[in-house]
Protein backbone atom coordinates (compact mmCIF):
# COMPACT_ATOMS: atom_id res chain seq x y z
CA UNK A 1 0.00 0.00 0.00
CA UNK A 2 1.49 3.29 -1.14
CA UNK A 3 1.28 6.44 0.99
CA UNK A 4 0.23 9.77 -0.49
CA UNK A 5 -0.27 13.16 1.13
CA UNK A 6 -2.93 15.81 0.55
CA UNK A 7 -1.29 19.24 0.60
CA UNK A 8 -2.91 22.66 0.85
CA UNK A 9 -2.28 26.30 1.64
CA UNK A 10 -1.07 29.15 -0.52
CA UNK A 11 0.98 28.31 -3.60
CA UNK A 12 4.25 28.73 -1.72
CA UNK A 13 2.99 26.25 0.89
CA UNK A 14 2.05 23.77 -1.83
CA UNK A 15 5.52 23.94 -3.36
CA UNK A 16 7.27 23.57 -0.01
CA UNK A 17 5.09 20.68 1.18
CA UNK A 18 5.41 18.82 -2.13
CA UNK A 19 9.19 19.14 -1.94
CA UNK A 20 9.22 17.93 1.67
CA UNK A 21 6.98 14.98 0.79
CA UNK A 22 9.31 13.93 -2.01
CA UNK A 23 12.34 14.16 0.28
CA UNK A 24 10.49 12.04 2.86
CA UNK A 25 9.90 9.24 0.35
CA UNK A 26 6.13 9.69 0.10
CA UNK A 27 4.73 8.25 -3.14
CA UNK A 28 2.48 11.11 -4.25
CA UNK A 29 0.93 14.46 -3.32
CA UNK A 30 -2.68 15.43 -4.00
CA UNK A 31 -4.39 18.79 -4.47
CA UNK A 32 -8.04 19.61 -3.77
CA UNK A 33 -10.27 22.12 -5.50
CA UNK A 34 -11.92 24.20 -2.79
CA UNK A 35 -10.90 27.85 -3.18
CA UNK A 36 -8.02 27.29 -5.61
CA UNK A 37 -7.73 25.53 -8.97
CA UNK A 38 -6.53 21.98 -8.47
CA UNK A 39 -4.73 22.11 -11.81
CA UNK A 40 -2.79 25.29 -10.97
CA UNK A 41 -1.78 23.80 -7.62
CA UNK A 42 -0.71 20.63 -9.41
CA UNK A 43 1.52 22.67 -11.73
CA UNK A 44 3.17 24.25 -8.69
CA UNK A 45 3.73 20.85 -7.04
CA UNK A 46 5.14 19.44 -10.28
CA UNK A 47 7.58 22.33 -10.56
CA UNK A 48 8.78 21.73 -6.99
CA UNK A 49 9.43 17.98 -7.45
CA UNK A 50 11.11 15.58 -9.84
CA UNK A 51 10.09 12.04 -8.86
CA UNK A 52 6.81 11.67 -7.00
CA UNK A 53 3.32 11.46 -8.43
CA UNK A 54 1.16 14.60 -8.41
CA UNK A 55 -2.60 14.16 -8.46
CA UNK A 56 -5.81 16.14 -8.19
CA UNK A 57 -8.23 14.98 -5.50
CA UNK A 58 -10.26 16.23 -7.00
CA UNK A 59 -10.61 18.56 -9.95
CA UNK A 60 -14.25 19.24 -10.72
CA UNK A 61 -15.26 17.78 -14.05
CA UNK A 62 -18.61 19.26 -14.98
CA UNK A 63 -17.82 23.00 -14.81
CA UNK A 64 -15.14 22.34 -17.46
CA UNK A 65 -15.36 21.26 -21.08
CA UNK A 66 -13.88 17.78 -21.60
CA UNK A 67 -11.63 19.28 -24.28
CA UNK A 68 -10.24 21.89 -21.87
CA UNK A 69 -9.68 19.18 -19.26
CA UNK A 70 -7.95 16.93 -21.80
CA UNK A 71 -5.58 19.70 -22.88
CA UNK A 72 -4.80 20.68 -19.29
CA UNK A 73 -4.11 17.11 -18.23
CA UNK A 74 -1.74 16.45 -21.10
CA UNK A 75 0.12 19.71 -20.48
CA UNK A 76 0.59 18.78 -16.81
CA UNK A 77 1.57 15.22 -17.69
CA UNK A 78 4.17 16.46 -20.16
CA UNK A 79 5.41 19.04 -17.67
CA UNK A 80 5.83 16.36 -15.00
CA UNK A 81 7.45 13.69 -17.13
CA UNK A 82 4.45 11.34 -16.92
CA UNK A 83 3.90 11.83 -13.16
CA UNK A 84 0.45 13.44 -13.28
CA UNK A 85 -2.65 11.63 -12.02
CA UNK A 86 -5.97 13.26 -12.84
CA UNK A 87 -8.61 12.76 -10.18
CA UNK A 88 -12.03 13.99 -11.32
CA UNK A 89 -15.11 14.49 -9.18
CA UNK A 90 -18.77 15.32 -9.80
CA UNK A 91 -19.38 17.41 -6.63
CA UNK A 92 -22.86 17.46 -5.06
CA UNK A 93 -25.80 18.93 -6.97
CA UNK A 94 -26.37 21.89 -4.65
CA UNK A 95 -22.78 23.10 -5.01
CA UNK A 96 -22.77 22.60 -8.78
CA UNK A 97 -25.83 24.78 -9.15
CA UNK A 98 -25.18 27.42 -6.48
CA UNK A 99 -21.45 27.91 -7.01
CA UNK A 100 -20.82 27.02 -10.64
CA UNK A 101 -24.23 27.58 -12.26
CA UNK A 102 -24.09 24.08 -13.72
CA UNK A 103 -27.03 21.67 -13.77
CA UNK A 104 -26.28 17.95 -13.69
CA UNK A 105 -29.23 15.58 -13.71
CA UNK A 106 -27.48 12.20 -13.98
CA UNK A 107 -23.92 12.55 -12.65
CA UNK A 108 -22.79 8.94 -13.05
CA UNK A 109 -23.72 8.52 -16.74
CA UNK A 110 -22.41 12.01 -17.44
CA UNK A 111 -19.09 11.18 -15.77
CA UNK A 112 -18.78 8.01 -17.85
CA UNK A 113 -19.30 10.04 -21.00
CA UNK A 114 -17.02 12.82 -19.78
CA UNK A 115 -14.11 10.40 -19.39
CA UNK A 116 -14.80 8.94 -22.83
CA UNK A 117 -14.84 12.43 -24.34
CA UNK A 118 -11.53 13.35 -22.70
CA UNK A 119 -9.92 10.23 -24.13
CA UNK A 120 -11.37 11.03 -27.55
CA UNK A 121 -9.49 14.34 -27.49
CA UNK A 122 -6.28 12.55 -26.57
CA UNK A 123 -6.76 9.99 -29.33
CA UNK A 124 -7.35 12.76 -31.88
CA UNK A 125 -4.16 14.48 -30.78
CA UNK A 126 -2.30 11.23 -31.46
CA UNK A 127 -3.67 11.23 -34.99
CA UNK A 128 -6.67 8.91 -34.70
CA UNK A 129 -9.72 9.89 -36.81
CA UNK A 130 -12.20 10.05 -33.93
CA UNK A 131 -15.05 12.26 -32.70
CA UNK A 132 -17.34 12.03 -29.69
CA UNK A 133 -21.12 12.06 -30.14
CA UNK A 134 -22.81 11.37 -26.82
CA UNK A 135 -25.97 12.37 -25.00
CA UNK A 136 -24.35 15.27 -23.14
CA UNK A 137 -21.17 16.07 -25.09
CA UNK A 138 -20.67 16.39 -28.84
CA UNK A 139 -17.08 17.01 -29.91
CA UNK A 140 -16.73 16.98 -33.68
CA UNK A 141 -13.41 18.88 -33.79
CA UNK A 142 -11.43 17.33 -30.92
CA UNK A 143 -8.10 18.70 -32.16
CA UNK A 144 -7.29 22.06 -33.75
CA UNK A 145 -4.04 21.63 -35.65
CA UNK A 146 -4.05 17.88 -36.09
CA UNK A 147 -1.81 15.30 -34.36
CA UNK A 148 0.62 17.38 -32.34
CA UNK A 149 1.67 14.82 -29.72
CA UNK A 150 1.53 11.32 -31.21
CA UNK A 151 3.80 9.91 -28.50
CA UNK A 152 1.78 10.97 -25.45
CA UNK A 153 0.19 8.42 -23.14
CA UNK A 154 -3.34 8.63 -21.81
CA UNK A 155 -3.03 10.35 -18.43
CA UNK A 156 -4.44 8.07 -15.68
CA UNK A 157 -7.96 9.13 -14.73
CA UNK A 158 -9.30 8.44 -11.25
CA UNK A 159 -12.92 9.17 -10.38
CA UNK A 160 -14.22 10.17 -6.96
CA UNK A 161 -17.05 7.88 -5.94
CA UNK A 162 -19.16 7.08 -2.89
CA UNK A 163 -22.35 5.43 -4.12
CA UNK A 164 -22.84 2.19 -6.05
CA UNK A 165 -23.62 3.68 -9.46
CA UNK A 166 -20.55 5.94 -9.62
CA UNK A 167 -18.41 3.09 -8.24
CA UNK A 168 -19.57 0.87 -11.11
CA UNK A 169 -18.75 3.66 -13.58
CA UNK A 170 -15.24 3.72 -12.11
CA UNK A 171 -14.92 0.03 -12.84
CA UNK A 172 -16.11 0.57 -16.40
CA UNK A 173 -13.91 3.48 -17.46
CA UNK A 174 -11.50 4.76 -14.79
CA UNK A 175 -7.90 3.93 -13.95
CA UNK A 176 -8.76 4.11 -10.27
CA UNK A 177 -11.38 5.14 -7.71
CA UNK A 178 -10.80 7.95 -5.24
CA UNK A 179 -12.51 7.29 -1.93
CA UNK A 180 -14.06 10.03 0.16
CA UNK A 181 -12.47 10.99 3.53
CA UNK A 182 -15.72 9.90 5.21
CA UNK A 183 -15.51 6.41 3.65
CA UNK A 184 -14.26 3.96 6.25
CA UNK A 185 -12.16 0.93 5.35
CA UNK A 186 -15.25 -1.20 6.01
CA UNK A 187 -17.35 0.88 3.62
CA UNK A 188 -14.72 0.68 0.88
CA UNK A 189 -14.40 -3.08 1.34
CA UNK A 190 -18.09 -3.97 1.63
CA UNK A 191 -19.89 -1.32 -0.42
CA UNK A 192 -17.44 0.12 -2.95
CA UNK A 193 -15.13 -2.73 -3.99
CA UNK A 194 -17.95 -5.08 -5.12
CA UNK A 195 -19.43 -2.34 -7.32
CA UNK A 196 -16.04 -1.66 -8.91
CA UNK A 197 -15.78 -5.37 -9.65
CA UNK A 198 -19.23 -5.32 -11.25
CA UNK A 199 -18.22 -2.41 -13.47
CA UNK A 200 -14.99 -4.11 -14.47
CA UNK A 201 -16.87 -7.27 -15.42
CA UNK A 202 -19.46 -5.32 -17.40
CA UNK A 203 -16.73 -3.57 -19.40
CA UNK A 204 -14.63 -6.71 -19.83
CA UNK A 205 -11.65 -5.14 -18.10
CA UNK A 206 -8.99 -6.90 -15.98
CA UNK A 207 -9.76 -7.29 -12.28
CA UNK A 208 -6.89 -4.99 -11.29
CA UNK A 209 -7.69 -2.20 -13.77
CA UNK A 210 -9.35 0.09 -11.21
CA UNK A 211 -7.55 0.09 -7.83
CA UNK A 212 -8.84 2.10 -4.89
CA UNK A 213 -7.05 5.18 -3.61
CA UNK A 214 -8.41 5.77 -0.11
CA UNK A 215 -8.51 9.25 1.40
CA UNK A 216 -7.80 8.79 5.10
CA UNK A 217 -8.70 11.59 7.50
CA UNK A 218 -5.63 12.00 9.74
CA UNK A 219 -5.60 14.25 12.79
CA UNK A 220 -2.73 13.57 15.19
CA UNK A 221 -0.76 15.60 17.72
CA UNK A 222 0.62 15.75 21.22
CA UNK A 223 -2.73 17.17 22.34
CA UNK A 224 -4.69 14.04 21.45
CA UNK A 225 -8.01 15.47 22.62
CA UNK A 226 -7.66 18.52 20.37
CA UNK A 227 -6.64 16.35 17.44
CA UNK A 228 -9.64 14.10 17.92
CA UNK A 229 -11.98 17.07 18.21
CA UNK A 230 -10.72 18.45 14.90
CA UNK A 231 -11.44 15.10 13.25
CA UNK A 232 -14.90 14.91 14.86
CA UNK A 233 -15.75 18.35 13.50
CA UNK A 234 -14.60 17.46 9.99
CA UNK A 235 -16.61 14.23 10.00
CA UNK A 236 -19.62 16.15 11.31
CA UNK A 237 -19.35 18.68 8.49
CA UNK A 238 -19.13 16.00 5.80
CA UNK A 239 -21.99 14.05 7.37
CA UNK A 240 -24.45 16.93 6.91
CA UNK A 241 -24.47 16.08 3.18
CA UNK A 242 -27.21 13.59 2.21
CA UNK A 243 -25.00 11.90 -0.40
CA UNK A 244 -22.83 10.40 2.33
CA UNK A 245 -25.67 8.97 4.42
CA UNK A 246 -25.03 5.35 3.23
CA UNK A 247 -21.64 5.42 4.96
CA UNK A 248 -23.26 6.41 8.23
CA UNK A 249 -26.01 3.81 7.79
CA UNK A 250 -23.41 1.06 7.45
CA UNK A 251 -22.08 2.13 10.86
CA UNK A 252 -25.53 2.31 12.44
CA UNK A 253 -25.71 6.12 12.40
CA UNK A 254 -28.33 6.71 9.72
CA UNK A 255 -30.26 9.21 11.86
CA UNK A 256 -27.18 11.33 12.60
CA UNK A 257 -27.41 13.80 9.66
CA UNK A 258 -30.66 15.29 10.95
CA UNK A 259 -29.11 16.36 14.25
CA UNK A 260 -25.89 17.44 12.57
CA UNK A 261 -27.71 19.67 10.10
CA UNK A 262 -29.60 21.31 12.96
CA UNK A 263 -26.33 22.04 14.78
CA UNK A 264 -24.73 23.26 11.55
CA UNK A 265 -27.61 25.66 10.84
CA UNK A 266 -27.39 26.89 14.43
CA UNK A 267 -23.62 27.47 13.98
CA UNK A 268 -22.87 25.24 16.93
CA UNK A 269 -19.53 23.48 16.22
CA UNK A 270 -19.31 22.14 19.76
CA UNK A 271 -22.58 20.28 19.30
CA UNK A 272 -21.48 19.05 15.86
CA UNK A 273 -18.29 17.58 17.31
CA UNK A 274 -20.14 16.15 20.31
CA UNK A 275 -22.46 14.17 18.01
CA UNK A 276 -19.54 12.15 16.59
CA UNK A 277 -18.94 9.40 19.13
CA UNK A 278 -15.62 7.62 19.67
CA UNK A 279 -16.66 4.44 17.87
CA UNK A 280 -17.66 6.28 14.70
CA UNK A 281 -14.60 8.53 14.87
CA UNK A 282 -12.23 5.57 15.09
CA UNK A 283 -14.05 3.69 12.33
CA UNK A 284 -13.39 6.54 9.90
CA UNK A 285 -10.36 8.55 11.00
CA UNK A 286 -6.82 8.16 12.29
CA UNK A 287 -7.08 10.55 15.21
CA UNK A 288 -5.15 10.92 18.45
CA UNK A 289 -1.52 10.41 19.44
CA UNK A 290 1.16 10.16 16.73
CA UNK A 291 2.57 6.90 18.14
CA UNK A 292 -0.81 5.17 17.65
CA UNK A 293 -1.24 6.28 14.05
CA UNK A 294 0.87 3.70 12.13
CA UNK A 295 -1.12 0.81 13.58
CA UNK A 296 -4.37 2.59 12.78
CA UNK A 297 -3.37 3.01 9.14
CA UNK A 298 -3.16 -0.75 8.74
CA UNK A 299 -6.96 -0.82 8.58
CA UNK A 300 -6.68 0.22 4.91
CA UNK A 301 -4.30 -2.59 3.95
CA UNK A 302 -5.94 -5.08 1.63
CA UNK A 303 -8.63 -2.51 0.81
CA UNK A 304 -6.70 0.22 -1.00
CA UNK A 305 -3.59 0.23 -3.17
CA UNK A 306 -2.84 3.75 -2.00
CA UNK A 307 -3.94 5.74 1.03
CA UNK A 308 -3.72 9.52 0.87
CA UNK A 309 -3.32 11.20 4.24
CA UNK A 310 -5.58 14.23 4.46
CA UNK A 311 -6.16 16.51 7.43
CA UNK A 312 -9.20 18.35 8.81
CA UNK A 313 -9.84 21.77 7.35
CA UNK A 314 -13.32 22.71 8.51
CA UNK A 315 -13.07 25.38 11.21
CA UNK A 316 -9.28 25.41 11.14
CA UNK A 317 -7.09 28.43 10.48
CA UNK A 318 -4.12 28.27 8.14
CA UNK A 319 -1.52 27.80 10.88
CA UNK A 320 -3.36 24.90 12.52
CA UNK A 321 -3.93 23.25 9.15
CA UNK A 322 -0.25 23.66 8.26
CA UNK A 323 0.73 22.01 11.55
CA UNK A 324 -1.71 19.17 10.88
CA UNK A 325 -0.28 18.58 7.39
CA UNK A 326 3.25 18.52 8.82
CA UNK A 327 2.16 15.88 11.35
CA UNK A 328 0.57 13.80 8.59
CA UNK A 329 3.72 14.17 6.49
CA UNK A 330 5.80 12.89 9.38
CA UNK A 331 3.45 9.93 9.76
CA UNK A 332 3.70 9.15 6.05
CA UNK A 333 7.49 9.35 6.21
CA UNK A 334 7.65 6.98 9.19
CA UNK A 335 5.30 4.44 7.61
CA UNK A 336 7.14 4.58 4.29
CA UNK A 337 10.54 4.17 5.95
CA UNK A 338 9.31 1.23 8.04
CA UNK A 339 7.94 -0.50 4.96
CA UNK A 340 11.20 0.12 3.09
CA UNK A 341 13.24 -1.31 5.98
CA UNK A 342 10.98 -4.36 6.18
CA UNK A 343 11.38 -4.99 2.46
CA UNK A 344 15.16 -4.65 2.71
CA UNK A 345 15.24 -7.10 5.62
CA UNK A 346 13.51 -9.78 3.55
């Protein structure tokens, strides 16, 4: 199981953290799209490194044309020397409409077609006589000047998925599935992995064609209580979204979103954190003392090929988040070094 790290902050922070992660032996760094472009952050991380993978977790697909996304991905892949990993996500309907003025009625089928359209653009740029004519996207001129980059590979595409339909789409067309930070190892194993397998079978693809990249919520520090509270609050924030209710139902907390939404509307973070009990917290997150964290990460072994260590951000200022990322980086370095030593010993 490879170890990745989610990095954030201003662009100088992104460059510095990516460089530190590479020096620490971490396999990859990942950039989110909250208030900054994931692709611009990826370019910064690529410029600051020379060996490790650089991925988006995630870049939002639907506000962008597939052609624009295809061009951007290939530019970043070329810039990195084939180190770029493009993670695409659909985002929830409310955010798509309220923030991006984009309406998406059937996100899973649209994502399947989106990925196919992106690959059509790549194929055209290699000189293949192809167009895309789908239900949502019609691209009849996928390249402007003809085959400019006949040697370029298809950039790996990972899709963010929680529910069964999007997980099956991942199996059909993606090079990997990106788990959500709320998705526990149990949820990935019991709910997500079987749907990926069904999608792989439907598309006639090999059983290992769509590995899982888990996004583990990591909150560790000498003040274990404060670290655990930060993780509780992040879980509480995610759990207010109806799309993630199946994860909570698997853990016997299906009624929790109602109370969490009430606390969220009342701007009561203490109540939000209080509603996340220890059992649920430990089922989802790696939270507490740093010395306990390596053992806790083992829960993802056998479930995911890669686990990306991400930290809480909801309700945290920049300094606290930077400290949290540094702690996660240290954890990733220790786990990677221990695995390397174990391999050398055998």
